[in-house]
Amino acid sequence: MSGNTATHEATAVGSWVTAGRAARELGLKPDEFDLAVDLGRIRATPDERGAGRRVDCVELERLRARPGHPEGLRESVRTVGTTEGALLMGVTKDRFTRLARLGLLAPTRFYLNRYRAVVWLYLAEELRQFTADERNTSLLRGRTSDNLRGQLDTGLDLRARNWRTRRLAILLRRATDPWSRAGALASLLDPLYICEVVKDPYERSHLGRFCPERPSHGAPGSPGAVLTKTLVTAQDPDEIAWLQAELAGLLAEAREHRPAPRPGFAFHRPAPAGQAPREPERSRGAFRALLARWRGRNRGPVARWPAARRPGGPAR
């Protein structure tokens, strides 16, 4: 048994349990558990030994005590593809795809099938909520307006962009300081665009330590890997410009919080005598505002984006 597996299967330590044990006790599959944590359904923290995440036993008791457990928790993270999603909403697959391309349905995950087609997955819970909202009746049953049809005819497809929006929210929730928040934004940018903002090579190197690993499919340079890169990094000029502007602001905070290390200088600079170290971190409210701005710029037909550049493979 490998070291990682042994850690994954470890039992409770003190008042905490490993991710593997928490998933079993909550009746979730590993991927369901990971998604529940990402969506904030389960409160988890990084393991102090750097071996994944852990969950407080009190949190397990809270979740197990909820009515309808475990079916309720499992259903809250159930994902469906286009075919099942269309059936769930009572619409055709074509209409479902149009709604998703317009940015009205936000995917939560994706994978590449054997034909290297992008298969988007959606939260069943969100699809039910969209269907139940009377304001969406005309979108589900009526004729697609000329305005929306015109946007679709230009090639508009906001599925990848909406997925990146959700991913950014997840990464910012995980971030613990200005450098990790800057790394979260940088992970959505191609390195070329990061260089335009972070011109100092020592800062780029330091920022790279805080960039979360990007999802990948296939060996580096393979068609699957190339296609995935177009999905996980910003593609449109306005999206790139917005991320670069936000990255510049977060980078300024990070420099003030703790300058990037350089040869011959200590990593931590002590504060002057009698003065506490200054950590100018944004408040939770400020980051909610950041995400609100980001979501507002990615809200489909109301935003009237230019035609999205399509990656080199079909999407489903």
Foldseek 3Di string as FASTA:
>chain_A
DDPLVCQQPDADDDQKGHLNVLCVLQVHDSVLSVQCCLVVVAPWAQDPVRNGIMHGNVSSVVQVPDPPGPVVSSLQSDKDWLVVLCVLLVADSVLSQLCQLLQNFEFQDWDADPQRAIITIGRSVVSNVLSPDPVCVCSRPNDDDPLSVVLVVLQRGLHLVSNLLSQLVSQCVNDDALLLNLLSLCLQADVVLVCVQVVDPLSVVVSVVNHDDADADDDPPDLRRQLSNPSRHDDDPVLSVVSSVVSNVSVVLVCQQFNRDDPPDDRHDDDPPPDDRDGPGDDPVVVVVVSVVSVVCSRGSVNSDRNTDHGDHHYD
